[in-house]
Amino acid sequence: MGTILVKSKNILALPPQLSRKYGIKRGVKIFFEEQKDHIKIFPISEEIIDINKGFLGKKDNFLNALMKEKTKEKKL
């Protein structure tokens, strides 16, 4: 683990070894998640998207299940 210095306009510069390890290059989108006392960051690259495609099953099945749950909630 290490530390970095926040630059002007709140820009964070990752150490090169971390950028290479996680495939973070110019133009890669970063997702961040706020926790109680820290922030998690996740690179969103094409490779990550390809790896995770379809993990929820077929699109129609997931959408139908979601719509059924929403209908149940409205009845309550």
Foldseek 3Di string as FASTA:
>chain_A
DDDFDQDPPRDTDDDPVVCVVQVPDPPWDWDWDDDPPDIDIHTDDPVVCVVPPQPVHDPVVVVVVVVVVVVVVVVD
